[in-house]
Amino acid sequence: MAHYNLACSLSLTGQVETAAAELDCAITLGYRDFSWLNRDPDLKKLRRHPLFKKIRDRLKAMMIEIR
């Protein structure tokens, strides 16, 4: 959860590349609230950045594995 919260803070301050790395780390460590991640207002800047596509692709692959 700490990496997710750090990603949110970094996104809010416009540090989207570092935010993407922290969000990726959070997912690696077990963050799974994908529904909230996709609508969390703190991640708005990150979701607009091209790096988020890689994260979204990873999440889609993970959801396929779960099903």
PDB file of N, CA and C in Angstrom:
ATOM      1  N   MET A   1       0.819  -1.191   0.000  1.00  0.00           N
ATOM      2  CA  MET A   1       0.000   0.000   0.000  1.00  0.00           C
ATOM      3  C   MET A   1       0.872   1.269   0.000  1.00  0.00           C
ATOM      4  N   ALA A   2       2.031   1.170   0.639  1.00  0.00           N
ATOM      5  CA  ALA A   2       2.907   2.344   0.703  1.00  0.00           C
ATOM      6  C   ALA A   2       3.349   2.789  -0.695  1.00  0.00           C
ATOM      7  N   HIS A   3       3.665   1.834  -1.561  1.00  0.00           N
ATOM      8  CA  HIS A   3       4.096   2.185  -2.921  1.00  0.00           C
ATOM      9  C   HIS A   3       2.940   2.782  -3.721  1.00  0.00           C
ATOM     10  N   TYR A   4       1.737   2.276  -3.490  1.00  0.00           N
ATOM     11  CA  TYR A   4       0.563   2.840  -4.171  1.00  0.00           C
ATOM     12  C   TYR A   4       0.372   4.289  -3.733  1.00  0.00           C
ATOM     13  N   ASN A   5       0.425   4.533  -2.433  1.00  0.00           N
ATOM     14  CA  ASN A   5       0.241   5.892  -1.923  1.00  0.00           C
ATOM     15  C   ASN A   5       1.345   6.824  -2.418  1.00  0.00           C
ATOM     16  N   LEU A   6       2.566   6.312  -2.488  1.00  0.00           N
ATOM     17  CA  LEU A   6       3.656   7.113  -3.022  1.00  0.00           C
ATOM     18  C   LEU A   6       3.411   7.438  -4.494  1.00  0.00           C
ATOM     19  N   ALA A   7       2.918   6.473  -5.256  1.00  0.00           N
ATOM     20  CA  ALA A   7       2.584   6.714  -6.665  1.00  0.00           C
ATOM     21  C   ALA A   7       1.539   7.813  -6.783  1.00  0.00           C
ATOM     22  N   CYS A   8       0.567   7.799  -5.908  1.00  0.00           N
ATOM     23  CA  CYS A   8      -0.467   8.840  -5.918  1.00  0.00           C
ATOM     24  C   CYS A   8       0.140  10.211  -5.655  1.00  0.00           C
ATOM     25  N   SER A   9       0.982  10.300  -4.637  1.00  0.00           N
ATOM     26  CA  SER A   9       1.619  11.577  -4.297  1.00  0.00           C
ATOM     27  C   SER A   9       2.492  12.080  -5.437  1.00  0.00           C
ATOM     28  N   LEU A  10       3.244  11.191  -6.034  1.00  0.00           N
ATOM     29  CA  LEU A  10       4.109  11.576  -7.147  1.00  0.00           C
ATOM     30  C   LEU A  10       3.295  12.029  -8.352  1.00  0.00           C
ATOM     31  N   SER A  11       2.201  11.351  -8.628  1.00  0.00           N
ATOM     32  CA  SER A  11       1.338  11.745  -9.734  1.00  0.00           C
ATOM     33  C   SER A  11       0.755  13.139  -9.495  1.00  0.00           C
ATOM     34  N   LEU A  12       0.334  13.376  -8.273  1.00  0.00           N
ATOM     35  CA  LEU A  12      -0.239  14.688  -7.936  1.00  0.00           C
ATOM     36  C   LEU A  12       0.761  15.823  -8.132  1.00  0.00           C
ATOM     37  N   THR A  13       2.036  15.533  -7.936  1.00  0.00           N
ATOM     38  CA  THR A  13       3.064  16.568  -8.084  1.00  0.00           C
ATOM     39  C   THR A  13       3.677  16.577  -9.481  1.00  0.00           C
ATOM     40  N   GLY A  14       3.120  15.783 -10.391  1.00  0.00           N
ATOM     41  CA  GLY A  14       3.565  15.785 -11.777  1.00  0.00           C
ATOM     42  C   GLY A  14       4.772  14.927 -12.060  1.00  0.00           C
ATOM     43  N   GLN A  15       5.188  14.134 -11.121  1.00  0.00           N
ATOM     44  CA  GLN A  15       6.343  13.253 -11.306  1.00  0.00           C
ATOM     45  C   GLN A  15       5.863  11.896 -11.810  1.00  0.00           C
ATOM     46  N   VAL A  16       5.280  11.915 -13.004  1.00  0.00           N
ATOM     47  CA  VAL A  16       4.560  10.740 -13.491  1.00  0.00           C
ATOM     48  C   VAL A  16       5.463   9.550 -13.809  1.00  0.00           C
ATOM     49  N   GLU A  17       6.670   9.779 -14.232  1.00  0.00           N
ATOM     50  CA  GLU A  17       7.555   8.643 -14.538  1.00  0.00           C
ATOM     51  C   GLU A  17       7.901   7.874 -13.266  1.00  0.00           C
ATOM     52  N   THR A  18       8.197   8.599 -12.212  1.00  0.00           N
ATOM     53  CA  THR A  18       8.483   7.948 -10.931  1.00  0.00           C
ATOM     54  C   THR A  18       7.208   7.339 -10.358  1.00  0.00           C
ATOM     55  N   ALA A  19       6.090   8.011 -10.562  1.00  0.00           N
ATOM     56  CA  ALA A  19       4.801   7.481 -10.098  1.00  0.00           C
ATOM     57  C   ALA A  19       4.508   6.143 -10.775  1.00  0.00           C
ATOM     58  N   ALA A  20       4.796   6.053 -12.060  1.00  0.00           N
ATOM     59  CA  ALA A  20       4.564   4.805 -12.793  1.00  0.00           C
ATOM     60  C   ALA A  20       5.419   3.679 -12.219  1.00  0.00           C
ATOM     61  N   ALA A  21       6.657   3.989 -11.898  1.00  0.00           N
ATOM     62  CA  ALA A  21       7.558   2.971 -11.333  1.00  0.00           C
ATOM     63  C   ALA A  21       7.049   2.502  -9.975  1.00  0.00           C
ATOM     64  N   GLU A  22       6.568   3.426  -9.159  1.00  0.00           N
ATOM     65  CA  GLU A  22       6.052   3.063  -7.834  1.00  0.00           C
ATOM     66  C   GLU A  22       4.753   2.274  -7.942  1.00  0.00           C
ATOM     67  N   LEU A  23       3.909   2.635  -8.885  1.00  0.00           N
ATOM     68  CA  LEU A  23       2.666   1.895  -9.078  1.00  0.00           C
ATOM     69  C   LEU A  23       2.966   0.480  -9.561  1.00  0.00           C
ATOM     70  N   ASP A  24       3.918   0.363 -10.457  1.00  0.00           N
ATOM     71  CA  ASP A  24       4.328  -0.954 -10.924  1.00  0.00           C
ATOM     72  C   ASP A  24       4.855  -1.796  -9.763  1.00  0.00           C
ATOM     73  N   CYS A  25       5.616  -1.179  -8.898  1.00  0.00           N
ATOM     74  CA  CYS A  25       6.134  -1.872  -7.712  1.00  0.00           C
ATOM     75  C   CYS A  25       4.985  -2.306  -6.804  1.00  0.00           C
ATOM     76  N   ALA A  26       4.013  -1.434  -6.606  1.00  0.00           N
ATOM     77  CA  ALA A  26       2.858  -1.763  -5.765  1.00  0.00           C
ATOM     78  C   ALA A  26       2.124  -2.985  -6.308  1.00  0.00           C
ATOM     79  N   ILE A  27       1.971  -3.042  -7.617  1.00  0.00           N
ATOM     80  CA  ILE A  27       1.287  -4.176  -8.245  1.00  0.00           C
ATOM     81  C   ILE A  27       2.117  -5.449  -8.067  1.00  0.00           C
ATOM     82  N   THR A  28       3.416  -5.331  -8.250  1.00  0.00           N
ATOM     83  CA  THR A  28       4.308  -6.480  -8.051  1.00  0.00           C
ATOM     84  C   THR A  28       4.204  -7.010  -6.627  1.00  0.00           C
ATOM     85  N   LEU A  29       4.054  -6.103  -5.672  1.00  0.00           N
ATOM     86  CA  LEU A  29       3.987  -6.492  -4.266  1.00  0.00           C
ATOM     87  C   LEU A  29       2.593  -6.914  -3.812  1.00  0.00           C
ATOM     88  N   GLY A  30       1.613  -6.856  -4.729  1.00  0.00           N
ATOM     89  CA  GLY A  30       0.298  -7.400  -4.391  1.00  0.00           C
ATOM     90  C   GLY A  30      -0.876  -6.454  -4.415  1.00  0.00           C
ATOM     91  N   TYR A  31      -0.692  -5.198  -4.802  1.00  0.00           N
ATOM     92  CA  TYR A  31      -1.846  -4.293  -4.885  1.00  0.00           C
ATOM     93  C   TYR A  31      -2.812  -4.823  -5.937  1.00  0.00           C
ATOM     94  N   ARG A  32      -4.084  -4.972  -5.562  1.00  0.00           N
ATOM     95  CA  ARG A  32      -5.043  -5.573  -6.488  1.00  0.00           C
ATOM     96  C   ARG A  32      -6.375  -4.826  -6.616  1.00  0.00           C
ATOM     97  N   ASP A  33      -6.496  -3.640  -6.085  1.00  0.00           N
ATOM     98  CA  ASP A  33      -7.759  -2.902  -6.209  1.00  0.00           C
ATOM     99  C   ASP A  33      -7.753  -2.154  -7.539  1.00  0.00           C
ATOM    100  N   PHE A  34      -7.848  -2.927  -8.618  1.00  0.00           N
ATOM    101  CA  PHE A  34      -7.738  -2.367  -9.959  1.00  0.00           C
ATOM    102  C   PHE A  34      -8.888  -1.417 -10.293  1.00  0.00           C
ATOM    103  N   SER A  35     -10.042  -1.677  -9.751  1.00  0.00           N
ATOM    104  CA  SER A  35     -11.187  -0.803  -9.997  1.00  0.00           C
ATOM    105  C   SER A  35     -10.904   0.600  -9.463  1.00  0.00           C
ATOM    106  N   TRP A  36     -10.381   0.681  -8.239  1.00  0.00           N
ATOM    107  CA  TRP A  36     -10.076   1.992  -7.657  1.00  0.00           C
ATOM    108  C   TRP A  36      -8.915   2.651  -8.397  1.00  0.00           C
ATOM    109  N   LEU A  37      -7.918   1.873  -8.752  1.00  0.00           N
ATOM    110  CA  LEU A  37      -6.767   2.400  -9.462  1.00  0.00           C
ATOM    111  C   LEU A  37      -7.204   3.123 -10.738  1.00  0.00           C
ATOM    112  N   ASN A  38      -8.196   2.598 -11.411  1.00  0.00           N
ATOM    113  CA  ASN A  38      -8.659   3.187 -12.668  1.00  0.00           C
ATOM    114  C   ASN A  38      -9.515   4.433 -12.498  1.00  0.00           C
ATOM    115  N   ARG A  39      -9.890   4.749 -11.261  1.00  0.00           N
ATOM    116  CA  ARG A  39     -10.686   5.963 -11.065  1.00  0.00           C
ATOM    117  C   ARG A  39     -10.173   6.865  -9.943  1.00  0.00           C
ATOM    118  N   ASP A  40      -9.089   6.473  -9.307  1.00  0.00           N
ATOM    119  CA  ASP A  40      -8.499   7.269  -8.226  1.00  0.00           C
ATOM    120  C   ASP A  40      -8.092   8.637  -8.782  1.00  0.00           C
ATOM    121  N   PRO A  41      -8.673   9.717  -8.256  1.00  0.00           N
ATOM    122  CA  PRO A  41      -8.339  11.049  -8.793  1.00  0.00           C
ATOM    123  C   PRO A  41      -6.874  11.429  -8.598  1.00  0.00           C
ATOM    124  N   ASP A  42      -6.220  10.836  -7.620  1.00  0.00           N
ATOM    125  CA  ASP A  42      -4.804  11.134  -7.390  1.00  0.00           C
ATOM    126  C   ASP A  42      -3.916  10.652  -8.532  1.00  0.00           C
ATOM    127  N   LEU A  43      -4.377   9.669  -9.282  1.00  0.00           N
ATOM    128  CA  LEU A  43      -3.584   9.117 -10.383  1.00  0.00           C
ATOM    129  C   LEU A  43      -3.971   9.679 -11.751  1.00  0.00           C
ATOM    130  N   LYS A  44      -4.757  10.726 -11.752  1.00  0.00           N
ATOM    131  CA  LYS A  44      -5.273  11.293 -13.007  1.00  0.00           C
ATOM    132  C   LYS A  44      -4.143  11.654 -13.984  1.00  0.00           C
ATOM    133  N   LYS A  45      -3.116  12.342 -13.490  1.00  0.00           N
ATOM    134  CA  LYS A  45      -2.002  12.729 -14.378  1.00  0.00           C
ATOM    135  C   LYS A  45      -1.279  11.504 -14.923  1.00  0.00           C
ATOM    136  N   LEU A  46      -1.108  10.515 -14.085  1.00  0.00           N
ATOM    137  CA  LEU A  46      -0.424   9.292 -14.530  1.00  0.00           C
ATOM    138  C   LEU A  46      -1.247   8.569 -15.586  1.00  0.00           C
ATOM    139  N   ARG A  47      -2.548   8.475 -15.383  1.00  0.00           N
ATOM    140  CA  ARG A  47      -3.387   7.770 -16.362  1.00  0.00           C
ATOM    141  C   ARG A  47      -3.364   8.444 -17.725  1.00  0.00           C
ATOM    142  N   ARG A  48      -3.052   9.724 -17.777  1.00  0.00           N
ATOM    143  CA  ARG A  48      -2.970  10.454 -19.046  1.00  0.00           C
ATOM    144  C   ARG A  48      -1.616  10.266 -19.735  1.00  0.00           C
ATOM    145  N   HIS A  49      -0.647   9.750 -19.006  1.00  0.00           N
ATOM    146  CA  HIS A  49       0.718   9.600 -19.526  1.00  0.00           C
ATOM    147  C   HIS A  49       0.853   8.280 -20.286  1.00  0.00           C
ATOM    148  N   PRO A  50       1.641   8.269 -21.368  1.00  0.00           N
ATOM    149  CA  PRO A  50       1.829   7.028 -22.142  1.00  0.00           C
ATOM    150  C   PRO A  50       2.356   5.851 -21.318  1.00  0.00           C
ATOM    151  N   LEU A  51       3.096   6.109 -20.258  1.00  0.00           N
ATOM    152  CA  LEU A  51       3.605   5.012 -19.426  1.00  0.00           C
ATOM    153  C   LEU A  51       2.479   4.190 -18.802  1.00  0.00           C
ATOM    154  N   PHE A  52       1.334   4.818 -18.604  1.00  0.00           N
ATOM    155  CA  PHE A  52       0.233   4.100 -17.973  1.00  0.00           C
ATOM    156  C   PHE A  52      -0.282   2.976 -18.869  1.00  0.00           C
ATOM    157  N   LYS A  53      -0.090   3.109 -20.179  1.00  0.00           N
ATOM    158  CA  LYS A  53      -0.531   2.041 -21.084  1.00  0.00           C
ATOM    159  C   LYS A  53       0.166   0.727 -20.751  1.00  0.00           C
ATOM    160  N   LYS A  54       1.452   0.782 -20.420  1.00  0.00           N
ATOM    161  CA  LYS A  54       2.186  -0.428 -20.048  1.00  0.00           C
ATOM    162  C   LYS A  54       1.599  -1.041 -18.777  1.00  0.00           C
ATOM    163  N   ILE A  55       1.247  -0.184 -17.832  1.00  0.00           N
ATOM    164  CA  ILE A  55       0.644  -0.665 -16.591  1.00  0.00           C
ATOM    165  C   ILE A  55      -0.717  -1.271 -16.883  1.00  0.00           C
ATOM    166  N   ARG A  56      -1.496  -0.597 -17.693  1.00  0.00           N
ATOM    167  CA  ARG A  56      -2.831  -1.105 -18.048  1.00  0.00           C
ATOM    168  C   ARG A  56      -2.724  -2.446 -18.768  1.00  0.00           C
ATOM    169  N   ASP A  57      -1.770  -2.576 -19.664  1.00  0.00           N
ATOM    170  CA  ASP A  57      -1.567  -3.851 -20.367  1.00  0.00           C
ATOM    171  C   ASP A  57      -1.206  -4.960 -19.377  1.00  0.00           C
ATOM    172  N   ARG A  58      -0.364  -4.623 -18.409  1.00  0.00           N
ATOM    173  CA  ARG A  58       0.007  -5.608 -17.389  1.00  0.00           C
ATOM    174  C   ARG A  58      -1.216  -6.028 -16.577  1.00  0.00           C
ATOM    175  N   LEU A  59      -2.049  -5.059 -16.219  1.00  0.00           N
ATOM    176  CA  LEU A  59      -3.255  -5.365 -15.437  1.00  0.00           C
ATOM    177  C   LEU A  59      -4.202  -6.255 -16.222  1.00  0.00           C
ATOM    178  N   LYS A  60      -4.356  -5.967 -17.493  1.00  0.00           N
ATOM    179  CA  LYS A  60      -5.230  -6.797 -18.332  1.00  0.00           C
ATOM    180  C   LYS A  60      -4.717  -8.227 -18.382  1.00  0.00           C
ATOM    181  N   ALA A  61      -3.415  -8.382 -18.533  1.00  0.00           N
ATOM    182  CA  ALA A  61      -2.826  -9.728 -18.572  1.00  0.00           C
ATOM    183  C   ALA A  61      -3.056 -10.439 -17.237  1.00  0.00           C
ATOM    184  N   MET A  62      -2.926  -9.731 -16.156  1.00  0.00           N
ATOM    185  CA  MET A  62      -3.137 -10.325 -14.833  1.00  0.00           C
ATOM    186  C   MET A  62      -4.577 -10.753 -14.644  1.00  0.00           C
ATOM    187  N   MET A  63      -5.505  -9.955 -15.133  1.00  0.00           N
ATOM    188  CA  MET A  63      -6.922 -10.296 -14.985  1.00  0.00           C
ATOM    189  C   MET A  63      -7.269 -11.510 -15.809  1.00  0.00           C
ATOM    190  N   ILE A  64      -6.643 -11.677 -16.957  1.00  0.00           N
ATOM    191  CA  ILE A  64      -6.867 -12.859 -17.779  1.00  0.00           C
ATOM    192  C   ILE A  64      -6.358 -14.085 -17.050  1.00  0.00           C
ATOM    193  N   GLU A  65      -5.211 -13.964 -16.387  1.00  0.00           N
ATOM    194  CA  GLU A  65      -4.648 -15.086 -15.637  1.00  0.00           C
ATOM    195  C   GLU A  65      -5.557 -15.488 -14.474  1.00  0.00           C
ATOM    196  N   ILE A  66      -6.205 -14.506 -13.846  1.00  0.00           N
ATOM    197  CA  ILE A  66      -7.075 -14.760 -12.703  1.00  0.00           C
ATOM    198  C   ILE A  66      -8.306 -15.539 -13.151  1.00  0.00           C
ATOM    199  N   ARG A  67      -8.824 -15.209 -14.315  1.00  0.00           N
ATOM    200  CA  ARG A  67     -10.044 -15.852 -14.808  1.00  0.00           C
ATOM    201  C   ARG A  67      -9.709 -17.223 -15.221  1.00  0.00           C
TER     202      ARG A  67
END
